[in-house]
Amino acid sequence: GSVAVRFGAAYPELTRGRVLVDGGFIERSKDVTWEQAEREMRPPDIDGTPVERFKQFMRQWPNLRDLWTDELGEMVLYNFEVRDQKIYRRLSIPNHMKIARAIFEQRASELLPQVKCPVLIIPALREPGSEDERRWQEYRERGIAAIQEARPNVEVRPMLDSIHDVPIQRPQELADAIAEFAAKL
């Protein structure tokens, strides 16, 4: 989402529409310091983890537990390099954190008014089950409010009772929302 917003602001004439799926509209730097965000956004060091142990760990992720299939496990593994039955990240942690810092510093409420095409925001919203989930819901809600203030014609279509990985949990509903939006362009 952040890349789509930045691209749209830099090249407003190149696209007829933008869809931001649970990203590109949250402005964490308004709520927390980089040091706090860095701790929250740092991925675990998993290089060298045996594939089977990683799959067992994936099955227990709160966001995936109820959705788990072997096919989903294979989809997640495609994000990694597998050597000798162990997984390794394709993106080093330092490079991951450079991207996280750029996302942290991006001000969507300043960039989105520069995007001239119609914009659809599809946030994942659900009843928070933990303090961490509550904070993320607040970040989403504040981000959407800031965007709507800066650019009132942005369309917002929440995916209720959904996780961040909307395409995994609600692929058809997401495809339908995008198709309906595209049909209006």
N, C-alpha and C. Protein backbone atom coordinates (compact mmCIF):
# COMPACT_ATOMS: atom_id res chain seq x y z
N GLY A 1 0.80 -1.19 0.00
CA GLY A 1 0.00 0.00 0.00
C GLY A 1 0.85 1.26 0.00
N SER A 2 1.91 1.26 0.78
CA SER A 2 2.78 2.44 0.85
C SER A 2 3.45 2.71 -0.49
N VAL A 3 3.85 1.66 -1.17
CA VAL A 3 4.47 1.82 -2.49
C VAL A 3 3.45 2.38 -3.48
N ALA A 4 2.22 1.87 -3.44
CA ALA A 4 1.16 2.35 -4.34
C ALA A 4 0.88 3.82 -4.12
N VAL A 5 0.87 4.25 -2.86
CA VAL A 5 0.62 5.67 -2.55
C VAL A 5 1.77 6.52 -3.07
N ARG A 6 3.00 6.12 -2.77
CA ARG A 6 4.16 6.91 -3.21
C ARG A 6 4.23 6.98 -4.74
N PHE A 7 3.98 5.85 -5.40
CA PHE A 7 4.00 5.82 -6.87
C PHE A 7 2.91 6.73 -7.43
N GLY A 8 1.71 6.64 -6.85
CA GLY A 8 0.60 7.47 -7.32
C GLY A 8 0.84 8.95 -7.14
N ALA A 9 1.54 9.32 -6.07
CA ALA A 9 1.87 10.74 -5.85
C ALA A 9 2.94 11.20 -6.83
N ALA A 10 3.90 10.34 -7.12
CA ALA A 10 4.99 10.71 -8.04
C ALA A 10 4.55 10.71 -9.50
N TYR A 11 3.64 9.80 -9.86
CA TYR A 11 3.20 9.64 -11.26
C TYR A 11 1.68 9.61 -11.33
N PRO A 12 1.02 10.71 -11.00
CA PRO A 12 -0.44 10.70 -10.91
C PRO A 12 -1.14 10.40 -12.24
N GLU A 13 -0.47 10.61 -13.34
CA GLU A 13 -1.11 10.41 -14.64
C GLU A 13 -1.05 8.96 -15.15
N LEU A 14 -0.36 8.08 -14.45
CA LEU A 14 -0.13 6.73 -14.97
C LEU A 14 -1.18 5.69 -14.63
N THR A 15 -2.06 5.96 -13.68
CA THR A 15 -3.07 4.96 -13.35
C THR A 15 -4.45 5.60 -13.22
N ARG A 16 -5.46 4.76 -13.41
CA ARG A 16 -6.83 5.24 -13.30
C ARG A 16 -7.41 5.01 -11.91
N GLY A 17 -6.77 4.20 -11.07
CA GLY A 17 -7.28 3.93 -9.74
C GLY A 17 -6.24 3.27 -8.86
N ARG A 18 -6.44 3.37 -7.55
CA ARG A 18 -5.55 2.76 -6.56
C ARG A 18 -6.41 2.00 -5.57
N VAL A 19 -5.95 0.81 -5.19
CA VAL A 19 -6.59 0.03 -4.15
C VAL A 19 -5.53 -0.25 -3.08
N LEU A 20 -5.83 0.15 -1.86
CA LEU A 20 -4.91 -0.06 -0.74
C LEU A 20 -5.53 -1.11 0.19
N VAL A 21 -4.96 -2.31 0.18
CA VAL A 21 -5.49 -3.41 0.98
C VAL A 21 -4.75 -3.45 2.31
N ASP A 22 -5.40 -2.93 3.33
CA ASP A 22 -4.89 -2.88 4.70
C ASP A 22 -3.46 -2.36 4.80
N GLY A 23 -3.18 -1.32 4.05
CA GLY A 23 -1.86 -0.70 4.11
C GLY A 23 -1.83 0.58 3.30
N GLY A 24 -0.81 1.39 3.56
CA GLY A 24 -0.65 2.62 2.82
C GLY A 24 -1.39 3.80 3.41
N PHE A 25 -2.13 3.59 4.48
CA PHE A 25 -2.90 4.68 5.07
C PHE A 25 -2.63 4.85 6.56
N ILE A 26 -1.84 3.98 7.14
CA ILE A 26 -1.52 4.07 8.58
C ILE A 26 -0.29 4.94 8.76
N GLU A 27 -0.36 5.90 9.66
CA GLU A 27 0.76 6.80 9.93
C GLU A 27 1.26 6.56 11.35
N ARG A 28 2.06 5.54 11.51
CA ARG A 28 2.55 5.17 12.84
C ARG A 28 3.37 6.25 13.50
N SER A 29 4.08 7.05 12.69
CA SER A 29 4.95 8.07 13.27
C SER A 29 4.18 9.13 14.05
N LYS A 30 2.87 9.20 13.85
CA LYS A 30 2.05 10.13 14.63
C LYS A 30 1.76 9.59 16.03
N ASP A 31 1.94 8.28 16.22
CA ASP A 31 1.53 7.64 17.47
C ASP A 31 2.67 7.12 18.33
N VAL A 32 3.77 6.71 17.70
CA VAL A 32 4.86 6.09 18.47
C VAL A 32 6.20 6.59 17.94
N THR A 33 7.24 6.38 18.73
CA THR A 33 8.59 6.71 18.30
C THR A 33 9.10 5.61 17.36
N TRP A 34 10.15 5.93 16.60
CA TRP A 34 10.75 4.91 15.75
C TRP A 34 11.27 3.74 16.58
N GLU A 35 11.83 4.02 17.76
CA GLU A 35 12.36 2.95 18.59
C GLU A 35 11.27 1.93 18.97
N GLN A 36 10.09 2.42 19.30
CA GLN A 36 8.99 1.51 19.63
C GLN A 36 8.52 0.77 18.37
N ALA A 37 8.35 1.50 17.28
CA ALA A 37 7.91 0.86 16.03
C ALA A 37 8.93 -0.16 15.55
N GLU A 38 10.20 0.15 15.71
CA GLU A 38 11.26 -0.76 15.29
C GLU A 38 11.16 -2.09 16.03
N ARG A 39 10.90 -2.04 17.33
CA ARG A 39 10.74 -3.28 18.10
C ARG A 39 9.52 -4.07 17.61
N GLU A 40 8.43 -3.37 17.32
CA GLU A 40 7.20 -4.04 16.90
C GLU A 40 7.29 -4.58 15.47
N MET A 41 8.07 -3.93 14.61
CA MET A 41 8.11 -4.29 13.20
C MET A 41 9.27 -5.22 12.85
N ARG A 42 10.14 -5.46 13.80
CA ARG A 42 11.30 -6.33 13.53
C ARG A 42 10.84 -7.78 13.44
N PRO A 43 11.17 -8.44 12.34
CA PRO A 43 10.77 -9.85 12.20
C PRO A 43 11.68 -10.74 13.04
N PRO A 44 11.21 -11.92 13.38
CA PRO A 44 12.06 -12.84 14.14
C PRO A 44 13.19 -13.38 13.26
N ASP A 45 14.29 -13.69 13.88
CA ASP A 45 15.43 -14.27 13.17
C ASP A 45 15.17 -15.76 13.03
N ILE A 46 14.77 -16.17 11.85
CA ILE A 46 14.36 -17.57 11.64
C ILE A 46 15.30 -18.34 10.71
N ASP A 47 16.34 -17.69 10.21
CA ASP A 47 17.25 -18.37 9.29
C ASP A 47 17.79 -19.65 9.93
N GLY A 48 17.71 -20.74 9.16
CA GLY A 48 18.21 -22.03 9.62
C GLY A 48 17.18 -22.86 10.36
N THR A 49 15.97 -22.36 10.50
CA THR A 49 14.91 -23.12 11.19
C THR A 49 14.49 -24.29 10.30
N PRO A 50 14.41 -25.49 10.85
CA PRO A 50 13.93 -26.63 10.06
C PRO A 50 12.51 -26.36 9.54
N VAL A 51 12.25 -26.75 8.31
CA VAL A 51 10.97 -26.49 7.66
C VAL A 51 9.81 -27.03 8.49
N GLU A 52 9.93 -28.26 8.96
CA GLU A 52 8.81 -28.85 9.71
C GLU A 52 8.53 -28.09 11.00
N ARG A 53 9.57 -27.64 11.67
CA ARG A 53 9.37 -26.85 12.89
C ARG A 53 8.70 -25.52 12.56
N PHE A 54 9.11 -24.92 11.46
CA PHE A 54 8.50 -23.65 11.04
C PHE A 54 7.02 -23.85 10.69
N LYS A 55 6.71 -24.96 10.02
CA LYS A 55 5.31 -25.24 9.69
C LYS A 55 4.48 -25.42 10.97
N GLN A 56 5.03 -26.09 11.96
CA GLN A 56 4.32 -26.25 13.23
C GLN A 56 4.07 -24.88 13.86
N PHE A 57 5.07 -24.03 13.80
CA PHE A 57 4.93 -22.68 14.34
C PHE A 57 3.85 -21.91 13.57
N MET A 58 3.86 -22.01 12.23
CA MET A 58 2.85 -21.31 11.41
C MET A 58 1.44 -21.74 11.77
N ARG A 59 1.26 -23.02 12.00
CA ARG A 59 -0.09 -23.54 12.33
C ARG A 59 -0.66 -22.90 13.60
N GLN A 60 0.23 -22.38 14.44
CA GLN A 60 -0.22 -21.79 15.70
C GLN A 60 -0.34 -20.27 15.65
N TRP A 61 0.02 -19.65 14.54
CA TRP A 61 -0.12 -18.20 14.44
C TRP A 61 -1.59 -17.84 14.64
N PRO A 62 -1.89 -16.91 15.53
CA PRO A 62 -3.29 -16.57 15.78
C PRO A 62 -4.07 -16.20 14.51
N ASN A 63 -3.43 -15.51 13.58
CA ASN A 63 -4.13 -15.08 12.36
C ASN A 63 -4.34 -16.21 11.37
N LEU A 64 -3.57 -17.29 11.49
CA LEU A 64 -3.67 -18.37 10.52
C LEU A 64 -4.27 -19.65 11.09
N ARG A 65 -4.32 -19.77 12.39
CA ARG A 65 -4.74 -21.01 13.04
C ARG A 65 -6.05 -21.54 12.46
N ASP A 66 -7.07 -20.68 12.35
CA ASP A 66 -8.37 -21.14 11.88
C ASP A 66 -8.44 -21.30 10.36
N LEU A 67 -7.44 -20.79 9.66
CA LEU A 67 -7.44 -20.85 8.19
C LEU A 67 -6.49 -21.92 7.65
N TRP A 68 -5.77 -22.59 8.54
CA TRP A 68 -4.66 -23.43 8.13
C TRP A 68 -5.07 -24.54 7.17
N THR A 69 -4.31 -24.64 6.09
CA THR A 69 -4.35 -25.77 5.17
C THR A 69 -2.91 -26.04 4.75
N ASP A 70 -2.65 -27.22 4.23
CA ASP A 70 -1.30 -27.49 3.73
C ASP A 70 -0.97 -26.56 2.57
N GLU A 71 -1.97 -26.23 1.75
CA GLU A 71 -1.76 -25.29 0.64
C GLU A 71 -1.32 -23.92 1.15
N LEU A 72 -1.95 -23.44 2.22
CA LEU A 72 -1.56 -22.15 2.80
C LEU A 72 -0.13 -22.23 3.32
N GLY A 73 0.23 -23.33 3.94
CA GLY A 73 1.60 -23.52 4.42
C GLY A 73 2.60 -23.43 3.28
N GLU A 74 2.28 -24.05 2.15
CA GLU A 74 3.17 -23.98 0.99
C GLU A 74 3.25 -22.55 0.45
N MET A 75 2.12 -21.84 0.46
CA MET A 75 2.13 -20.45 -0.01
C MET A 75 3.06 -19.60 0.86
N VAL A 76 2.99 -19.77 2.17
CA VAL A 76 3.85 -18.99 3.07
C VAL A 76 5.31 -19.35 2.84
N LEU A 77 5.59 -20.64 2.64
CA LEU A 77 6.98 -21.06 2.43
C LEU A 77 7.60 -20.46 1.17
N TYR A 78 6.78 -20.12 0.18
CA TYR A 78 7.32 -19.50 -1.04
C TYR A 78 7.98 -18.15 -0.76
N ASN A 79 7.70 -17.58 0.41
CA ASN A 79 8.33 -16.31 0.79
C ASN A 79 9.77 -16.50 1.25
N PHE A 80 10.18 -17.74 1.40
CA PHE A 80 11.50 -18.05 1.93
C PHE A 80 12.29 -18.91 0.96
N GLU A 81 13.58 -18.94 1.17
CA GLU A 81 14.43 -19.87 0.44
C GLU A 81 14.54 -21.13 1.29
N VAL A 82 14.36 -22.29 0.69
CA VAL A 82 14.47 -23.56 1.43
C VAL A 82 15.72 -24.27 0.92
N ARG A 83 16.64 -24.53 1.85
CA ARG A 83 17.87 -25.27 1.53
C ARG A 83 18.09 -26.32 2.63
N ASP A 84 18.36 -27.53 2.22
CA ASP A 84 18.64 -28.60 3.18
C ASP A 84 17.55 -28.71 4.24
N GLN A 85 16.29 -28.58 3.80
CA GLN A 85 15.13 -28.68 4.69
C GLN A 85 15.12 -27.63 5.81
N LYS A 86 15.76 -26.50 5.54
CA LYS A 86 15.75 -25.36 6.47
C LYS A 86 15.33 -24.12 5.69
N ILE A 87 14.73 -23.18 6.40
CA ILE A 87 14.29 -21.96 5.72
C ILE A 87 15.25 -20.81 6.01
N TYR A 88 15.34 -19.93 5.01
CA TYR A 88 16.17 -18.73 5.10
C TYR A 88 15.38 -17.59 4.47
N ARG A 89 15.49 -16.43 5.06
CA ARG A 89 14.77 -15.28 4.51
C ARG A 89 15.41 -14.84 3.20
N ARG A 90 14.59 -14.33 2.31
CA ARG A 90 15.09 -13.78 1.04
C ARG A 90 15.53 -12.34 1.22
N LEU A 91 14.97 -11.69 2.22
CA LEU A 91 15.28 -10.29 2.52
C LEU A 91 15.93 -10.26 3.89
N SER A 92 17.15 -9.73 3.96
CA SER A 92 17.84 -9.69 5.25
C SER A 92 17.07 -8.80 6.24
N ILE A 93 17.29 -9.04 7.51
CA ILE A 93 16.62 -8.22 8.53
C ILE A 93 17.02 -6.74 8.39
N PRO A 94 18.29 -6.41 8.16
CA PRO A 94 18.62 -4.98 7.98
C PRO A 94 17.86 -4.35 6.80
N ASN A 95 17.73 -5.07 5.69
CA ASN A 95 16.98 -4.52 4.56
C ASN A 95 15.48 -4.46 4.87
N HIS A 96 14.96 -5.45 5.57
CA HIS A 96 13.57 -5.43 6.01
C HIS A 96 13.32 -4.18 6.85
N MET A 97 14.25 -3.88 7.75
CA MET A 97 14.07 -2.74 8.65
C MET A 97 14.21 -1.40 7.91
N LYS A 98 14.97 -1.36 6.82
CA LYS A 98 15.01 -0.14 5.99
C LYS A 98 13.63 0.13 5.40
N ILE A 99 12.99 -0.92 4.93
CA ILE A 99 11.63 -0.79 4.38
C ILE A 99 10.66 -0.38 5.48
N ALA A 100 10.78 -1.02 6.64
CA ALA A 100 9.91 -0.69 7.77
C ALA A 100 10.07 0.79 8.15
N ARG A 101 11.30 1.27 8.14
CA ARG A 101 11.55 2.69 8.49
C ARG A 101 10.91 3.61 7.46
N ALA A 102 11.01 3.27 6.18
CA ALA A 102 10.39 4.10 5.14
C ALA A 102 8.88 4.11 5.29
N ILE A 103 8.29 2.97 5.62
CA ILE A 103 6.84 2.90 5.86
C ILE A 103 6.49 3.75 7.08
N PHE A 104 7.28 3.65 8.13
CA PHE A 104 7.05 4.42 9.35
C PHE A 104 7.06 5.92 9.07
N GLU A 105 7.98 6.36 8.24
CA GLU A 105 8.15 7.80 7.99
C GLU A 105 7.18 8.35 6.95
N GLN A 106 6.57 7.50 6.16
CA GLN A 106 5.68 7.98 5.10
C GLN A 106 4.42 8.60 5.69
N ARG A 107 4.03 9.73 5.16
CA ARG A 107 2.81 10.44 5.59
C ARG A 107 1.76 10.31 4.50
N ALA A 108 0.93 9.29 4.61
CA ALA A 108 -0.10 9.06 3.59
C ALA A 108 -1.05 10.24 3.47
N SER A 109 -1.35 10.90 4.57
CA SER A 109 -2.28 12.03 4.51
C SER A 109 -1.70 13.20 3.73
N GLU A 110 -0.39 13.26 3.57
CA GLU A 110 0.23 14.30 2.74
C GLU A 110 0.39 13.83 1.30
N LEU A 111 0.61 12.54 1.10
CA LEU A 111 0.83 12.01 -0.25
C LEU A 111 -0.47 11.75 -1.01
N LEU A 112 -1.49 11.22 -0.32
CA LEU A 112 -2.71 10.84 -1.04
C LEU A 112 -3.40 12.01 -1.75
N PRO A 113 -3.37 13.23 -1.22
CA PRO A 113 -3.96 14.32 -2.00
C PRO A 113 -3.26 14.56 -3.35
N GLN A 114 -2.02 14.09 -3.47
CA GLN A 114 -1.29 14.22 -4.74
C GLN A 114 -1.66 13.13 -5.74
N VAL A 115 -2.32 12.08 -5.24
CA VAL A 115 -2.78 11.00 -6.10
C VAL A 115 -4.09 11.47 -6.72
N LYS A 116 -4.12 11.62 -8.02
CA LYS A 116 -5.27 12.24 -8.69
C LYS A 116 -6.38 11.26 -9.04
N CYS A 117 -6.09 9.98 -9.07
CA CYS A 117 -7.09 8.99 -9.45
C CYS A 117 -7.95 8.59 -8.25
N PRO A 118 -9.06 7.93 -8.50
CA PRO A 118 -9.87 7.41 -7.39
C PRO A 118 -9.08 6.41 -6.55
N VAL A 119 -9.37 6.40 -5.25
CA VAL A 119 -8.67 5.51 -4.32
C VAL A 119 -9.70 4.75 -3.50
N LEU A 120 -9.47 3.43 -3.39
CA LEU A 120 -10.27 2.57 -2.53
C LEU A 120 -9.36 2.04 -1.43
N ILE A 121 -9.76 2.25 -0.19
CA ILE A 121 -9.04 1.70 0.96
C ILE A 121 -9.86 0.54 1.51
N ILE A 122 -9.19 -0.61 1.65
CA ILE A 122 -9.85 -1.80 2.19
C ILE A 122 -9.13 -2.19 3.48
N PRO A 123 -9.56 -1.62 4.60
CA PRO A 123 -8.91 -1.99 5.87
C PRO A 123 -9.47 -3.29 6.43
N ALA A 124 -8.61 -4.02 7.11
CA ALA A 124 -9.04 -5.23 7.83
C ALA A 124 -9.46 -4.77 9.22
N LEU A 125 -10.73 -4.92 9.52
CA LEU A 125 -11.23 -4.50 10.83
C LEU A 125 -11.88 -5.68 11.53
N ARG A 126 -11.56 -5.83 12.79
CA ARG A 126 -12.20 -6.87 13.60
C ARG A 126 -12.11 -6.48 15.06
N GLU A 127 -12.87 -7.17 15.86
CA GLU A 127 -12.86 -6.93 17.30
C GLU A 127 -11.49 -7.35 17.84
N PRO A 128 -10.74 -6.41 18.41
CA PRO A 128 -9.40 -6.76 18.91
C PRO A 128 -9.46 -7.78 20.04
N GLY A 129 -8.57 -8.75 19.98
CA GLY A 129 -8.50 -9.77 21.02
C GLY A 129 -7.37 -9.53 21.99
N SER A 130 -6.46 -8.63 21.66
CA SER A 130 -5.32 -8.37 22.53
C SER A 130 -5.02 -6.87 22.51
N GLU A 131 -4.17 -6.45 23.41
CA GLU A 131 -3.77 -5.04 23.47
C GLU A 131 -3.07 -4.63 22.18
N ASP A 132 -2.23 -5.50 21.65
CA ASP A 132 -1.54 -5.22 20.40
C ASP A 132 -2.53 -5.04 19.24
N GLU A 133 -3.52 -5.93 19.15
CA GLU A 133 -4.54 -5.82 18.11
C GLU A 133 -5.36 -4.54 18.28
N ARG A 134 -5.64 -4.14 19.52
CA ARG A 134 -6.39 -2.91 19.77
C ARG A 134 -5.61 -1.70 19.27
N ARG A 135 -4.30 -1.68 19.54
CA ARG A 135 -3.46 -0.57 19.06
C ARG A 135 -3.48 -0.49 17.54
N TRP A 136 -3.35 -1.65 16.87
CA TRP A 136 -3.35 -1.64 15.41
C TRP A 136 -4.69 -1.17 14.85
N GLN A 137 -5.79 -1.54 15.50
CA GLN A 137 -7.10 -1.06 15.06
C GLN A 137 -7.16 0.47 15.20
N GLU A 138 -6.63 0.98 16.29
CA GLU A 138 -6.62 2.44 16.48
C GLU A 138 -5.76 3.12 15.41
N TYR A 139 -4.61 2.52 15.08
CA TYR A 139 -3.77 3.08 14.01
C TYR A 139 -4.55 3.13 12.70
N ARG A 140 -5.25 2.05 12.39
CA ARG A 140 -6.05 2.00 11.16
C ARG A 140 -7.12 3.10 11.16
N GLU A 141 -7.87 3.17 12.26
CA GLU A 141 -8.96 4.14 12.33
C GLU A 141 -8.45 5.58 12.24
N ARG A 142 -7.36 5.89 12.93
CA ARG A 142 -6.79 7.24 12.84
C ARG A 142 -6.24 7.52 11.44
N GLY A 143 -5.63 6.52 10.83
CA GLY A 143 -5.11 6.70 9.48
C GLY A 143 -6.22 6.97 8.48
N ILE A 144 -7.30 6.22 8.57
CA ILE A 144 -8.44 6.43 7.67
C ILE A 144 -9.03 7.81 7.89
N ALA A 145 -9.18 8.23 9.16
CA ALA A 145 -9.72 9.56 9.45
C ALA A 145 -8.84 10.66 8.87
N ALA A 146 -7.52 10.51 8.99
CA ALA A 146 -6.60 11.52 8.46
C ALA A 146 -6.68 11.57 6.94
N ILE A 147 -6.79 10.42 6.29
CA ILE A 147 -6.91 10.37 4.83
C ILE A 147 -8.21 11.02 4.40
N GLN A 148 -9.31 10.68 5.06
CA GLN A 148 -10.60 11.24 4.67
C GLN A 148 -10.65 12.75 4.89
N GLU A 149 -9.92 13.24 5.88
CA GLU A 149 -9.86 14.68 6.08
C GLU A 149 -9.05 15.34 4.97
N ALA A 150 -7.94 14.70 4.58
CA ALA A 150 -7.08 15.26 3.54
C ALA A 150 -7.68 15.09 2.15
N ARG A 151 -8.43 14.01 1.97
CA ARG A 151 -9.01 13.71 0.66
C ARG A 151 -10.37 13.04 0.86
N PRO A 152 -11.42 13.84 1.02
CA PRO A 152 -12.74 13.31 1.39
C PRO A 152 -13.34 12.32 0.39
N ASN A 153 -12.91 12.33 -0.87
CA ASN A 153 -13.52 11.44 -1.86
C ASN A 153 -12.91 10.04 -1.89
N VAL A 154 -12.04 9.72 -0.97
CA VAL A 154 -11.49 8.37 -0.89
C VAL A 154 -12.60 7.43 -0.42
N GLU A 155 -12.75 6.31 -1.13
CA GLU A 155 -13.76 5.31 -0.76
C GLU A 155 -13.14 4.33 0.23
N VAL A 156 -13.87 4.01 1.28
CA VAL A 156 -13.41 3.06 2.29
C VAL A 156 -14.41 1.91 2.35
N ARG A 157 -13.87 0.70 2.17
CA ARG A 157 -14.73 -0.50 2.23
C ARG A 157 -14.06 -1.52 3.15
N PRO A 158 -14.40 -1.50 4.43
CA PRO A 158 -13.74 -2.39 5.39
C PRO A 158 -14.06 -3.86 5.14
N MET A 159 -13.10 -4.69 5.42
CA MET A 159 -13.32 -6.13 5.48
C MET A 159 -13.48 -6.45 6.97
N LEU A 160 -14.72 -6.59 7.38
CA LEU A 160 -15.02 -6.79 8.79
C LEU A 160 -14.64 -8.20 9.22
N ASP A 161 -14.24 -8.30 10.47
CA ASP A 161 -13.82 -9.57 11.06
C ASP A 161 -12.75 -10.25 10.20
N SER A 162 -11.77 -9.45 9.80
CA SER A 162 -10.72 -9.95 8.93
C SER A 162 -9.35 -9.66 9.51
N ILE A 163 -8.38 -10.43 9.07
CA ILE A 163 -6.99 -10.25 9.47
C ILE A 163 -6.29 -9.37 8.43
N HIS A 164 -5.06 -8.98 8.74
CA HIS A 164 -4.27 -8.15 7.83
C HIS A 164 -4.12 -8.80 6.46
N ASP A 165 -3.97 -10.10 6.42
CA ASP A 165 -3.79 -10.82 5.17
C ASP A 165 -5.14 -11.11 4.53
N VAL A 166 -5.82 -10.04 4.13
CA VAL A 166 -7.16 -10.15 3.56
C VAL A 166 -7.22 -11.13 2.38
N PRO A 167 -6.24 -11.13 1.47
CA PRO A 167 -6.33 -12.06 0.34
C PRO A 167 -6.36 -13.54 0.75
N ILE A 168 -5.80 -13.85 1.91
CA ILE A 168 -5.82 -15.24 2.39
C ILE A 168 -7.18 -15.56 2.99
N GLN A 169 -7.71 -14.66 3.79
CA GLN A 169 -8.94 -14.95 4.50
C GLN A 169 -10.19 -14.71 3.65
N ARG A 170 -10.20 -13.68 2.83
CA ARG A 170 -11.39 -13.30 2.08
C ARG A 170 -11.07 -13.05 0.60
N PRO A 171 -10.51 -14.03 -0.09
CA PRO A 171 -10.09 -13.79 -1.48
C PRO A 171 -11.23 -13.38 -2.41
N GLN A 172 -12.37 -14.04 -2.31
CA GLN A 172 -13.47 -13.72 -3.23
C GLN A 172 -14.07 -12.36 -2.91
N GLU A 173 -14.28 -12.08 -1.64
CA GLU A 173 -14.84 -10.79 -1.24
C GLU A 173 -13.91 -9.65 -1.65
N LEU A 174 -12.60 -9.85 -1.50
CA LEU A 174 -11.64 -8.85 -1.91
C LEU A 174 -11.67 -8.66 -3.42
N ALA A 175 -11.67 -9.75 -4.16
CA ALA A 175 -11.72 -9.66 -5.63
C ALA A 175 -12.98 -8.95 -6.08
N ASP A 176 -14.10 -9.23 -5.43
CA ASP A 176 -15.36 -8.57 -5.79
C ASP A 176 -15.29 -7.07 -5.52
N ALA A 177 -14.72 -6.69 -4.38
CA ALA A 177 -14.61 -5.26 -4.04
C ALA A 177 -13.74 -4.53 -5.06
N ILE A 178 -12.63 -5.15 -5.44
CA ILE A 178 -11.74 -4.53 -6.43
C ILE A 178 -12.43 -4.44 -7.79
N ALA A 179 -13.12 -5.50 -8.18
CA ALA A 179 -13.82 -5.50 -9.47
C ALA A 179 -14.90 -4.43 -9.51
N GLU A 180 -15.66 -4.30 -8.43
CA GLU A 180 -16.70 -3.25 -8.38
C GLU A 180 -16.10 -1.86 -8.48
N PHE A 181 -14.99 -1.65 -7.77
CA PHE A 181 -14.29 -0.36 -7.82
C PHE A 181 -13.77 -0.10 -9.24
N ALA A 182 -13.14 -1.09 -9.85
CA ALA A 182 -12.57 -0.94 -11.19
C ALA A 182 -13.67 -0.67 -12.22
N ALA A 183 -14.83 -1.25 -12.04
CA ALA A 183 -15.93 -1.05 -13.00
C ALA A 183 -16.40 0.40 -13.02
N LYS A 184 -16.17 1.13 -11.94
CA LYS A 184 -16.58 2.53 -11.87
C LYS A 184 -15.55 3.48 -12.48
N LEU A 185 -14.38 2.98 -12.80
CA LEU A 185 -13.30 3.86 -13.30
C LEU A 185 -13.53 4.24 -14.76
